[in-house]
Amino acid sequence: MSKDRGTIKWASLMLPEHVKLLQDMWQDDYRMTKPVLDSQEIEMLNAQILEAFELGSTVSVSIYSDGTVFDHIGVIIKLDSQTNHIILQSTDSTHVTIPFNDILSIMIR
């Protein structure tokens, strides 16, 4: 049996718009819905965030953004309760603003 290249062999016969639609469709397959945290998990996250902020510890924060989960590593330098964000100084000295609602987990290193 010959090796089939799937849709790749038909790419030369497809319009660029169709190729773009197929790529978008395949990319959507990897997106996930945002996990829902219960009240206990939220309380645990709040306690970990406050502990890391008070001790100045390095943390690894997992956040949900646009269907994917990202990890940021750094030190929490500011907790902004008015805008519900934390400011994280990354290991490369850049500042990352993270909304509280997007945080899925935090691990103190």
PDB file of N, CA and C in Angstrom:
ATOM      1  N   MET A   1       0.843  -1.168   0.000  1.00  0.00           N
ATOM      2  CA  MET A   1       0.000   0.000   0.000  1.00  0.00           C
ATOM      3  C   MET A   1       0.893   1.237   0.000  1.00  0.00           C
ATOM      4  N   SER A   2       0.569   2.206  -0.833  1.00  0.00           N
ATOM      5  CA  SER A   2       1.378   3.426  -0.911  1.00  0.00           C
ATOM      6  C   SER A   2       1.051   4.357   0.252  1.00  0.00           C
ATOM      7  N   LYS A   3       2.021   5.198   0.573  1.00  0.00           N
ATOM      8  CA  LYS A   3       1.811   6.158   1.660  1.00  0.00           C
ATOM      9  C   LYS A   3       0.984   7.325   1.134  1.00  0.00           C
ATOM     10  N   ASP A   4      -0.101   7.604   1.795  1.00  0.00           N
ATOM     11  CA  ASP A   4      -0.992   8.683   1.401  1.00  0.00           C
ATOM     12  C   ASP A   4      -0.612   9.952   2.156  1.00  0.00           C
ATOM     13  N   ARG A   5      -0.540  11.071   1.447  1.00  0.00           N
ATOM     14  CA  ARG A   5      -0.155  12.331   2.077  1.00  0.00           C
ATOM     15  C   ARG A   5      -1.373  13.115   2.554  1.00  0.00           C
ATOM     16  N   GLY A   6      -2.525  12.521   2.530  1.00  0.00           N
ATOM     17  CA  GLY A   6      -3.731  13.191   3.022  1.00  0.00           C
ATOM     18  C   GLY A   6      -4.073  14.420   2.212  1.00  0.00           C
ATOM     19  N   THR A   7      -4.412  15.493   2.896  1.00  0.00           N
ATOM     20  CA  THR A   7      -4.820  16.719   2.207  1.00  0.00           C
ATOM     21  C   THR A   7      -3.648  17.464   1.598  1.00  0.00           C
ATOM     22  N   ILE A   8      -2.421  17.094   1.956  1.00  0.00           N
ATOM     23  CA  ILE A   8      -1.258  17.783   1.407  1.00  0.00           C
ATOM     24  C   ILE A   8      -1.205  17.619  -0.114  1.00  0.00           C
ATOM     25  N   LYS A   9      -1.534  16.437  -0.615  1.00  0.00           N
ATOM     26  CA  LYS A   9      -1.454  16.209  -2.055  1.00  0.00           C
ATOM     27  C   LYS A   9      -2.497  17.030  -2.824  1.00  0.00           C
ATOM     28  N   TRP A  10      -3.551  17.452  -2.140  1.00  0.00           N
ATOM     29  CA  TRP A  10      -4.587  18.233  -2.799  1.00  0.00           C
ATOM     30  C   TRP A  10      -4.367  19.734  -2.637  1.00  0.00           C
ATOM     31  N   ALA A  11      -3.368  20.137  -1.871  1.00  0.00           N
ATOM     32  CA  ALA A  11      -3.150  21.550  -1.582  1.00  0.00           C
ATOM     33  C   ALA A  11      -2.904  22.369  -2.841  1.00  0.00           C
ATOM     34  N   SER A  12      -2.251  21.790  -3.831  1.00  0.00           N
ATOM     35  CA  SER A  12      -1.975  22.550  -5.056  1.00  0.00           C
ATOM     36  C   SER A  12      -3.247  22.806  -5.850  1.00  0.00           C
ATOM     37  N   LEU A  13      -4.288  22.025  -5.617  1.00  0.00           N
ATOM     38  CA  LEU A  13      -5.552  22.195  -6.330  1.00  0.00           C
ATOM     39  C   LEU A  13      -6.554  23.036  -5.548  1.00  0.00           C
ATOM     40  N   MET A  14      -6.191  23.447  -4.337  1.00  0.00           N
ATOM     41  CA  MET A  14      -7.113  24.181  -3.476  1.00  0.00           C
ATOM     42  C   MET A  14      -6.829  25.676  -3.539  1.00  0.00           C
ATOM     43  N   LEU A  15      -7.880  26.442  -3.351  1.00  0.00           N
ATOM     44  CA  LEU A  15      -7.721  27.889  -3.252  1.00  0.00           C
ATOM     45  C   LEU A  15      -7.082  28.236  -1.909  1.00  0.00           C
ATOM     46  N   PRO A  16      -6.323  29.326  -1.863  1.00  0.00           N
ATOM     47  CA  PRO A  16      -5.692  29.716  -0.593  1.00  0.00           C
ATOM     48  C   PRO A  16      -6.701  29.903   0.543  1.00  0.00           C
ATOM     49  N   GLU A  17      -7.911  30.351   0.215  1.00  0.00           N
ATOM     50  CA  GLU A  17      -8.936  30.531   1.230  1.00  0.00           C
ATOM     51  C   GLU A  17      -9.333  29.197   1.860  1.00  0.00           C
ATOM     52  N   HIS A  18      -9.386  28.155   1.033  1.00  0.00           N
ATOM     53  CA  HIS A  18      -9.737  26.840   1.536  1.00  0.00           C
ATOM     54  C   HIS A  18      -8.635  26.280   2.426  1.00  0.00           C
ATOM     55  N   VAL A  19      -7.390  26.501   2.020  1.00  0.00           N
ATOM     56  CA  VAL A  19      -6.260  26.045   2.833  1.00  0.00           C
ATOM     57  C   VAL A  19      -6.296  26.731   4.186  1.00  0.00           C
ATOM     58  N   LYS A  20      -6.576  28.046   4.203  1.00  0.00           N
ATOM     59  CA  LYS A  20      -6.643  28.813   5.458  1.00  0.00           C
ATOM     60  C   LYS A  20      -7.775  28.289   6.346  1.00  0.00           C
ATOM     61  N   LEU A  21      -8.926  27.994   5.768  1.00  0.00           N
ATOM     62  CA  LEU A  21     -10.041  27.453   6.536  1.00  0.00           C
ATOM     63  C   LEU A  21      -9.706  26.097   7.147  1.00  0.00           C
ATOM     64  N   LEU A  22      -9.013  25.243   6.395  1.00  0.00           N
ATOM     65  CA  LEU A  22      -8.609  23.948   6.930  1.00  0.00           C
ATOM     66  C   LEU A  22      -7.612  24.114   8.076  1.00  0.00           C
ATOM     67  N   GLN A  23      -6.661  25.041   7.931  1.00  0.00           N
ATOM     68  CA  GLN A  23      -5.688  25.277   9.002  1.00  0.00           C
ATOM     69  C   GLN A  23      -6.388  25.788  10.263  1.00  0.00           C
ATOM     70  N   ASP A  24      -7.352  26.697  10.090  1.00  0.00           N
ATOM     71  CA  ASP A  24      -8.108  27.202  11.237  1.00  0.00           C
ATOM     72  C   ASP A  24      -8.901  26.092  11.912  1.00  0.00           C
ATOM     73  N   MET A  25      -9.474  25.215  11.104  1.00  0.00           N
ATOM     74  CA  MET A  25     -10.252  24.104  11.639  1.00  0.00           C
ATOM     75  C   MET A  25      -9.357  23.164  12.457  1.00  0.00           C
ATOM     76  N   TRP A  26      -8.168  22.867  11.941  1.00  0.00           N
ATOM     77  CA  TRP A  26      -7.248  21.988  12.667  1.00  0.00           C
ATOM     78  C   TRP A  26      -6.765  22.657  13.947  1.00  0.00           C
ATOM     79  N   GLN A  27      -6.563  23.969  13.896  1.00  0.00           N
ATOM     80  CA  GLN A  27      -6.114  24.690  15.087  1.00  0.00           C
ATOM     81  C   GLN A  27      -7.213  24.689  16.152  1.00  0.00           C
ATOM     82  N   ASP A  28      -8.471  24.797  15.748  1.00  0.00           N
ATOM     83  CA  ASP A  28      -9.586  24.782  16.693  1.00  0.00           C
ATOM     84  C   ASP A  28      -9.708  23.446  17.415  1.00  0.00           C
ATOM     85  N   ASP A  29      -9.212  22.378  16.799  1.00  0.00           N
ATOM     86  CA  ASP A  29      -9.251  21.065  17.449  1.00  0.00           C
ATOM     87  C   ASP A  29      -8.408  21.032  18.715  1.00  0.00           C
ATOM     88  N   TYR A  30      -7.378  21.881  18.804  1.00  0.00           N
ATOM     89  CA  TYR A  30      -6.484  21.891  19.957  1.00  0.00           C
ATOM     90  C   TYR A  30      -6.930  22.861  21.042  1.00  0.00           C
ATOM     91  N   ARG A  31      -7.937  23.665  20.773  1.00  0.00           N
ATOM     92  CA  ARG A  31      -8.428  24.597  21.784  1.00  0.00           C
ATOM     93  C   ARG A  31      -9.230  23.860  22.831  1.00  0.00           C
ATOM     94  N   MET A  32      -9.192  24.402  24.050  1.00  0.00           N
ATOM     95  CA  MET A  32      -9.940  23.781  25.135  1.00  0.00           C
ATOM     96  C   MET A  32     -10.838  24.819  25.784  1.00  0.00           C
ATOM     97  N   THR A  33     -11.858  24.364  26.454  1.00  0.00           N
ATOM     98  CA  THR A  33     -12.721  25.281  27.175  1.00  0.00           C
ATOM     99  C   THR A  33     -12.077  25.612  28.515  1.00  0.00           C
ATOM    100  N   LYS A  34     -12.428  26.752  29.044  1.00  0.00           N
ATOM    101  CA  LYS A  34     -11.842  27.193  30.300  1.00  0.00           C
ATOM    102  C   LYS A  34     -12.369  26.331  31.447  1.00  0.00           C
ATOM    103  N   PRO A  35     -11.447  25.745  32.237  1.00  0.00           N
ATOM    104  CA  PRO A  35     -11.891  24.959  33.389  1.00  0.00           C
ATOM    105  C   PRO A  35     -12.566  25.852  34.427  1.00  0.00           C
ATOM    106  N   VAL A  36     -13.577  25.316  35.083  1.00  0.00           N
ATOM    107  CA  VAL A  36     -14.299  26.062  36.112  1.00  0.00           C
ATOM    108  C   VAL A  36     -13.734  25.653  37.469  1.00  0.00           C
ATOM    109  N   LEU A  37     -13.286  26.643  38.236  1.00  0.00           N
ATOM    110  CA  LEU A  37     -12.741  26.381  39.570  1.00  0.00           C
ATOM    111  C   LEU A  37     -13.845  26.533  40.601  1.00  0.00           C
ATOM    112  N   ASP A  38     -13.882  25.620  41.560  1.00  0.00           N
ATOM    113  CA  ASP A  38     -14.875  25.751  42.621  1.00  0.00           C
ATOM    114  C   ASP A  38     -14.352  26.704  43.696  1.00  0.00           C
ATOM    115  N   SER A  39     -15.174  26.983  44.687  1.00  0.00           N
ATOM    116  CA  SER A  39     -14.823  27.988  45.691  1.00  0.00           C
ATOM    117  C   SER A  39     -13.604  27.584  46.519  1.00  0.00           C
ATOM    118  N   GLN A  40     -13.438  26.296  46.790  1.00  0.00           N
ATOM    119  CA  GLN A  40     -12.273  25.843  47.545  1.00  0.00           C
ATOM    120  C   GLN A  40     -10.981  26.063  46.764  1.00  0.00           C
ATOM    121  N   GLU A  41     -11.017  25.764  45.483  1.00  0.00           N
ATOM    122  CA  GLU A  41      -9.836  25.971  44.644  1.00  0.00           C
ATOM    123  C   GLU A  41      -9.484  27.451  44.551  1.00  0.00           C
ATOM    124  N   ILE A  42     -10.500  28.310  44.463  1.00  0.00           N
ATOM    125  CA  ILE A  42     -10.263  29.748  44.397  1.00  0.00           C
ATOM    126  C   ILE A  42      -9.644  30.241  45.701  1.00  0.00           C
ATOM    127  N   GLU A  43     -10.151  29.762  46.837  1.00  0.00           N
ATOM    128  CA  GLU A  43      -9.579  30.134  48.134  1.00  0.00           C
ATOM    129  C   GLU A  43      -8.126  29.673  48.258  1.00  0.00           C
ATOM    130  N   MET A  44      -7.851  28.473  47.761  1.00  0.00           N
ATOM    131  CA  MET A  44      -6.497  27.947  47.791  1.00  0.00           C
ATOM    132  C   MET A  44      -5.562  28.812  46.933  1.00  0.00           C
ATOM    133  N   LEU A  45      -6.028  29.187  45.743  1.00  0.00           N
ATOM    134  CA  LEU A  45      -5.237  30.051  44.872  1.00  0.00           C
ATOM    135  C   LEU A  45      -4.947  31.391  45.555  1.00  0.00           C
ATOM    136  N   ASN A  46      -5.976  31.974  46.169  1.00  0.00           N
ATOM    137  CA  ASN A  46      -5.793  33.255  46.858  1.00  0.00           C
ATOM    138  C   ASN A  46      -4.751  33.142  47.964  1.00  0.00           C
ATOM    139  N   ALA A  47      -4.804  32.059  48.744  1.00  0.00           N
ATOM    140  CA  ALA A  47      -3.836  31.870  49.821  1.00  0.00           C
ATOM    141  C   ALA A  47      -2.427  31.709  49.268  1.00  0.00           C
ATOM    142  N   GLN A  48      -2.288  30.952  48.186  1.00  0.00           N
ATOM    143  CA  GLN A  48      -0.968  30.758  47.581  1.00  0.00           C
ATOM    144  C   GLN A  48      -0.425  32.060  46.998  1.00  0.00           C
ATOM    145  N   ILE A  49      -1.286  32.851  46.372  1.00  0.00           N
ATOM    146  CA  ILE A  49      -0.862  34.128  45.792  1.00  0.00           C
ATOM    147  C   ILE A  49      -0.388  35.066  46.899  1.00  0.00           C
ATOM    148  N   LEU A  50      -1.163  35.156  47.990  1.00  0.00           N
ATOM    149  CA  LEU A  50      -0.770  36.031  49.107  1.00  0.00           C
ATOM    150  C   LEU A  50       0.535  35.563  49.749  1.00  0.00           C
ATOM    151  N   GLU A  51       0.690  34.258  49.935  1.00  0.00           N
ATOM    152  CA  GLU A  51       1.918  33.726  50.528  1.00  0.00           C
ATOM    153  C   GLU A  51       3.129  34.031  49.653  1.00  0.00           C
ATOM    154  N   ALA A  52       3.005  33.808  48.344  1.00  0.00           N
ATOM    155  CA  ALA A  52       4.112  34.059  47.427  1.00  0.00           C
ATOM    156  C   ALA A  52       4.453  35.547  47.376  1.00  0.00           C
ATOM    157  N   PHE A  53       3.422  36.407  47.435  1.00  0.00           N
ATOM    158  CA  PHE A  53       3.647  37.849  47.410  1.00  0.00           C
ATOM    159  C   PHE A  53       4.365  38.310  48.670  1.00  0.00           C
ATOM    160  N   GLU A  54       3.915  37.829  49.833  1.00  0.00           N
ATOM    161  CA  GLU A  54       4.519  38.240  51.103  1.00  0.00           C
ATOM    162  C   GLU A  54       5.954  37.755  51.244  1.00  0.00           C
ATOM    163  N   LEU A  55       6.238  36.536  50.771  1.00  0.00           N
ATOM    164  CA  LEU A  55       7.585  35.981  50.887  1.00  0.00           C
ATOM    165  C   LEU A  55       8.502  36.376  49.732  1.00  0.00           C
ATOM    166  N   GLY A  56       7.935  36.917  48.660  1.00  0.00           N
ATOM    167  CA  GLY A  56       8.733  37.262  47.479  1.00  0.00           C
ATOM    168  C   GLY A  56       9.263  36.030  46.761  1.00  0.00           C
ATOM    169  N   SER A  57       8.513  34.960  46.833  1.00  0.00           N
ATOM    170  CA  SER A  57       8.929  33.685  46.236  1.00  0.00           C
ATOM    171  C   SER A  57       8.717  33.678  44.729  1.00  0.00           C
ATOM    172  N   THR A  58       9.521  32.875  44.071  1.00  0.00           N
ATOM    173  CA  THR A  58       9.325  32.641  42.640  1.00  0.00           C
ATOM    174  C   THR A  58       8.166  31.662  42.481  1.00  0.00           C
ATOM    175  N   VAL A  59       7.290  31.963  41.535  1.00  0.00           N
ATOM    176  CA  VAL A  59       6.111  31.134  41.306  1.00  0.00           C
ATOM    177  C   VAL A  59       6.002  30.736  39.839  1.00  0.00           C
ATOM    178  N   SER A  60       5.292  29.675  39.614  1.00  0.00           N
ATOM    179  CA  SER A  60       4.907  29.263  38.270  1.00  0.00           C
ATOM    180  C   SER A  60       3.385  29.383  38.206  1.00  0.00           C
ATOM    181  N   VAL A  61       2.901  30.265  37.346  1.00  0.00           N
ATOM    182  CA  VAL A  61       1.466  30.540  37.241  1.00  0.00           C
ATOM    183  C   VAL A  61       0.950  29.993  35.918  1.00  0.00           C
ATOM    184  N   SER A  62      -0.061  29.137  35.985  1.00  0.00           N
ATOM    185  CA  SER A  62      -0.719  28.633  34.778  1.00  0.00           C
ATOM    186  C   SER A  62      -1.965  29.467  34.539  1.00  0.00           C
ATOM    187  N   ILE A  63      -2.054  30.032  33.334  1.00  0.00           N
ATOM    188  CA  ILE A  63      -3.212  30.866  33.010  1.00  0.00           C
ATOM    189  C   ILE A  63      -3.889  30.350  31.749  1.00  0.00           C
ATOM    190  N   TYR A  64      -5.173  30.630  31.668  1.00  0.00           N
ATOM    191  CA  TYR A  64      -5.973  30.273  30.497  1.00  0.00           C
ATOM    192  C   TYR A  64      -6.140  31.526  29.650  1.00  0.00           C
ATOM    193  N   SER A  65      -5.824  31.406  28.372  1.00  0.00           N
ATOM    194  CA  SER A  65      -5.998  32.535  27.465  1.00  0.00           C
ATOM    195  C   SER A  65      -6.306  32.026  26.065  1.00  0.00           C
ATOM    196  N   ASP A  66      -7.444  32.405  25.559  1.00  0.00           N
ATOM    197  CA  ASP A  66      -7.832  32.122  24.173  1.00  0.00           C
ATOM    198  C   ASP A  66      -7.742  30.634  23.808  1.00  0.00           C
ATOM    199  N   GLY A  67      -8.256  29.793  24.679  1.00  0.00           N
ATOM    200  CA  GLY A  67      -8.330  28.377  24.369  1.00  0.00           C
ATOM    201  C   GLY A  67      -7.098  27.567  24.696  1.00  0.00           C
ATOM    202  N   THR A  68      -6.048  28.202  25.216  1.00  0.00           N
ATOM    203  CA  THR A  68      -4.839  27.469  25.567  1.00  0.00           C
ATOM    204  C   THR A  68      -4.384  27.844  26.971  1.00  0.00           C
ATOM    205  N   VAL A  69      -3.521  27.014  27.531  1.00  0.00           N
ATOM    206  CA  VAL A  69      -2.980  27.259  28.866  1.00  0.00           C
ATOM    207  C   VAL A  69      -1.507  27.627  28.725  1.00  0.00           C
ATOM    208  N   PHE A  70      -1.125  28.747  29.351  1.00  0.00           N
ATOM    209  CA  PHE A  70       0.250  29.222  29.329  1.00  0.00           C
ATOM    210  C   PHE A  70       0.819  29.195  30.736  1.00  0.00           C
ATOM    211  N   ASP A  71       2.114  28.985  30.845  1.00  0.00           N
ATOM    212  CA  ASP A  71       2.804  29.041  32.128  1.00  0.00           C
ATOM    213  C   ASP A  71       3.742  30.237  32.143  1.00  0.00           C
ATOM    214  N   HIS A  72       3.684  30.999  33.218  1.00  0.00           N
ATOM    215  CA  HIS A  72       4.595  32.118  33.430  1.00  0.00           C
ATOM    216  C   HIS A  72       5.354  31.868  34.722  1.00  0.00           C
ATOM    217  N   ILE A  73       6.649  32.129  34.704  1.00  0.00           N
ATOM    218  CA  ILE A  73       7.480  31.962  35.890  1.00  0.00           C
ATOM    219  C   ILE A  73       8.045  33.318  36.263  1.00  0.00           C
ATOM    220  N   GLY A  74       7.941  33.653  37.549  1.00  0.00           N
ATOM    221  CA  GLY A  74       8.468  34.922  38.007  1.00  0.00           C
ATOM    222  C   GLY A  74       8.097  35.189  39.454  1.00  0.00           C
ATOM    223  N   VAL A  75       8.237  36.456  39.843  1.00  0.00           N
ATOM    224  CA  VAL A  75       7.938  36.897  41.204  1.00  0.00           C
ATOM    225  C   VAL A  75       6.767  37.868  41.148  1.00  0.00           C
ATOM    226  N   ILE A  76       5.791  37.677  42.018  1.00  0.00           N
ATOM    227  CA  ILE A  76       4.645  38.587  42.086  1.00  0.00           C
ATOM    228  C   ILE A  76       5.115  39.876  42.754  1.00  0.00           C
ATOM    229  N   ILE A  77       5.032  40.985  42.005  1.00  0.00           N
ATOM    230  CA  ILE A  77       5.501  42.256  42.566  1.00  0.00           C
ATOM    231  C   ILE A  77       4.358  43.179  42.963  1.00  0.00           C
ATOM    232  N   LYS A  78       3.134  42.888  42.470  1.00  0.00           N
ATOM    233  CA  LYS A  78       2.003  43.742  42.828  1.00  0.00           C
ATOM    234  C   LYS A  78       0.699  42.962  42.720  1.00  0.00           C
ATOM    235  N   LEU A  79      -0.174  43.179  43.694  1.00  0.00           N
ATOM    236  CA  LEU A  79      -1.540  42.661  43.664  1.00  0.00           C
ATOM    237  C   LEU A  79      -2.459  43.860  43.537  1.00  0.00           C
ATOM    238  N   ASP A  80      -3.204  43.942  42.457  1.00  0.00           N
ATOM    239  CA  ASP A  80      -4.079  45.086  42.217  1.00  0.00           C
ATOM    240  C   ASP A  80      -5.530  44.642  42.375  1.00  0.00           C
ATOM    241  N   SER A  81      -6.120  44.945  43.535  1.00  0.00           N
ATOM    242  CA  SER A  81      -7.486  44.507  43.805  1.00  0.00           C
ATOM    243  C   SER A  81      -8.528  45.363  43.088  1.00  0.00           C
ATOM    244  N   GLN A  82      -8.143  46.561  42.662  1.00  0.00           N
ATOM    245  CA  GLN A  82      -9.097  47.409  41.940  1.00  0.00           C
ATOM    246  C   GLN A  82      -9.366  46.884  40.540  1.00  0.00           C
ATOM    247  N   THR A  83      -8.320  46.429  39.864  1.00  0.00           N
ATOM    248  CA  THR A  83      -8.494  45.911  38.503  1.00  0.00           C
ATOM    249  C   THR A  83      -8.484  44.388  38.465  1.00  0.00           C
ATOM    250  N   ASN A  84      -8.316  43.741  39.645  1.00  0.00           N
ATOM    251  CA  ASN A  84      -8.271  42.275  39.753  1.00  0.00           C
ATOM    252  C   ASN A  84      -7.179  41.665  38.875  1.00  0.00           C
ATOM    253  N   HIS A  85      -5.971  42.209  38.999  1.00  0.00           N
ATOM    254  CA  HIS A  85      -4.815  41.714  38.262  1.00  0.00           C
ATOM    255  C   HIS A  85      -3.652  41.502  39.221  1.00  0.00           C
ATOM    256  N   ILE A  86      -2.735  40.617  38.826  1.00  0.00           N
ATOM    257  CA  ILE A  86      -1.447  40.551  39.505  1.00  0.00           C
ATOM    258  C   ILE A  86      -0.386  40.960  38.490  1.00  0.00           C
ATOM    259  N   ILE A  87       0.660  41.575  38.983  1.00  0.00           N
ATOM    260  CA  ILE A  87       1.789  41.951  38.138  1.00  0.00           C
ATOM    261  C   ILE A  87       2.921  40.998  38.496  1.00  0.00           C
ATOM    262  N   LEU A  88       3.410  40.287  37.505  1.00  0.00           N
ATOM    263  CA  LEU A  88       4.443  39.289  37.696  1.00  0.00           C
ATOM    264  C   LEU A  88       5.698  39.749  36.976  1.00  0.00           C
ATOM    265  N   GLN A  89       6.829  39.765  37.687  1.00  0.00           N
ATOM    266  CA  GLN A  89       8.105  40.071  37.047  1.00  0.00           C
ATOM    267  C   GLN A  89       8.710  38.755  36.601  1.00  0.00           C
ATOM    268  N   SER A  90       8.776  38.565  35.283  1.00  0.00           N
ATOM    269  CA  SER A  90       9.270  37.310  34.726  1.00  0.00           C
ATOM    270  C   SER A  90      10.763  37.166  34.956  1.00  0.00           C
ATOM    271  N   THR A  91      11.258  35.968  34.664  1.00  0.00           N
ATOM    272  CA  THR A  91      12.680  35.696  34.840  1.00  0.00           C
ATOM    273  C   THR A  91      13.544  36.533  33.899  1.00  0.00           C
ATOM    274  N   ASP A  92      12.958  37.014  32.800  1.00  0.00           N
ATOM    275  CA  ASP A  92      13.710  37.879  31.880  1.00  0.00           C
ATOM    276  C   ASP A  92      13.460  39.364  32.157  1.00  0.00           C
ATOM    277  N   SER A  93      12.998  39.688  33.364  1.00  0.00           N
ATOM    278  CA  SER A  93      12.793  41.055  33.876  1.00  0.00           C
ATOM    279  C   SER A  93      11.684  41.829  33.170  1.00  0.00           C
ATOM    280  N   THR A  94      10.798  41.146  32.464  1.00  0.00           N
ATOM    281  CA  THR A  94       9.634  41.824  31.894  1.00  0.00           C
ATOM    282  C   THR A  94       8.467  41.691  32.861  1.00  0.00           C
ATOM    283  N   HIS A  95       7.551  42.641  32.787  1.00  0.00           N
ATOM    284  CA  HIS A  95       6.368  42.606  33.646  1.00  0.00           C
ATOM    285  C   HIS A  95       5.190  42.041  32.866  1.00  0.00           C
ATOM    286  N   VAL A  96       4.499  41.091  33.489  1.00  0.00           N
ATOM    287  CA  VAL A  96       3.334  40.458  32.881  1.00  0.00           C
ATOM    288  C   VAL A  96       2.141  40.743  33.774  1.00  0.00           C
ATOM    289  N   THR A  97       1.078  41.281  33.180  1.00  0.00           N
ATOM    290  CA  THR A  97      -0.160  41.544  33.912  1.00  0.00           C
ATOM    291  C   THR A  97      -1.110  40.377  33.676  1.00  0.00           C
ATOM    292  N   ILE A  98      -1.557  39.764  34.768  1.00  0.00           N
ATOM    293  CA  ILE A  98      -2.403  38.573  34.674  1.00  0.00           C
ATOM    294  C   ILE A  98      -3.704  38.830  35.429  1.00  0.00           C
ATOM    295  N   PRO A  99      -4.856  38.709  34.759  1.00  0.00           N
ATOM    296  CA  PRO A  99      -6.140  38.833  35.467  1.00  0.00           C
ATOM    297  C   PRO A  99      -6.346  37.664  36.432  1.00  0.00           C
ATOM    298  N   PHE A 100      -6.907  37.952  37.601  1.00  0.00           N
ATOM    299  CA  PHE A 100      -7.180  36.908  38.588  1.00  0.00           C
ATOM    300  C   PHE A 100      -8.039  35.791  38.000  1.00  0.00           C
ATOM    301  N   ASN A 101      -9.010  36.149  37.180  1.00  0.00           N
ATOM    302  CA  ASN A 101      -9.953  35.159  36.638  1.00  0.00           C
ATOM    303  C   ASN A 101      -9.312  34.186  35.662  1.00  0.00           C
ATOM    304  N   ASP A 102      -8.142  34.538  35.107  1.00  0.00           N
ATOM    305  CA  ASP A 102      -7.486  33.658  34.147  1.00  0.00           C
ATOM    306  C   ASP A 102      -6.524  32.670  34.791  1.00  0.00           C
ATOM    307  N   ILE A 103      -6.279  32.807  36.093  1.00  0.00           N
ATOM    308  CA  ILE A 103      -5.332  31.925  36.771  1.00  0.00           C
ATOM    309  C   ILE A 103      -5.986  30.571  37.053  1.00  0.00           C
ATOM    310  N   LEU A 104      -5.317  29.521  36.596  1.00  0.00           N
ATOM    311  CA  LEU A 104      -5.814  28.163  36.829  1.00  0.00           C
ATOM    312  C   LEU A 104      -5.098  27.496  37.996  1.00  0.00           C
ATOM    313  N   SER A 105      -3.805  27.741  38.101  1.00  0.00           N
ATOM    314  CA  SER A 105      -3.039  27.159  39.209  1.00  0.00           C
ATOM    315  C   SER A 105      -1.786  27.982  39.438  1.00  0.00           C
ATOM    316  N   ILE A 106      -1.243  27.834  40.646  1.00  0.00           N
ATOM    317  CA  ILE A 106      -0.009  28.523  41.000  1.00  0.00           C
ATOM    318  C   ILE A 106       0.818  27.554  41.839  1.00  0.00           C
ATOM    319  N   MET A 107       2.121  27.532  41.552  1.00  0.00           N
ATOM    320  CA  MET A 107       3.021  26.661  42.298  1.00  0.00           C
ATOM    321  C   MET A 107       4.193  27.500  42.792  1.00  0.00           C
ATOM    322  N   ILE A 108       4.393  27.500  44.105  1.00  0.00           N
ATOM    323  CA  ILE A 108       5.498  28.243  44.698  1.00  0.00           C
ATOM    324  C   ILE A 108       6.756  27.398  44.566  1.00  0.00           C
ATOM    325  N   ARG A 109       7.802  28.003  44.049  1.00  0.00           N
ATOM    326  CA  ARG A 109       9.057  27.262  43.827  1.00  0.00           C
ATOM    327  C   ARG A 109      10.000  27.448  44.973  1.00  0.00           C
TER     328      ARG A 109
END
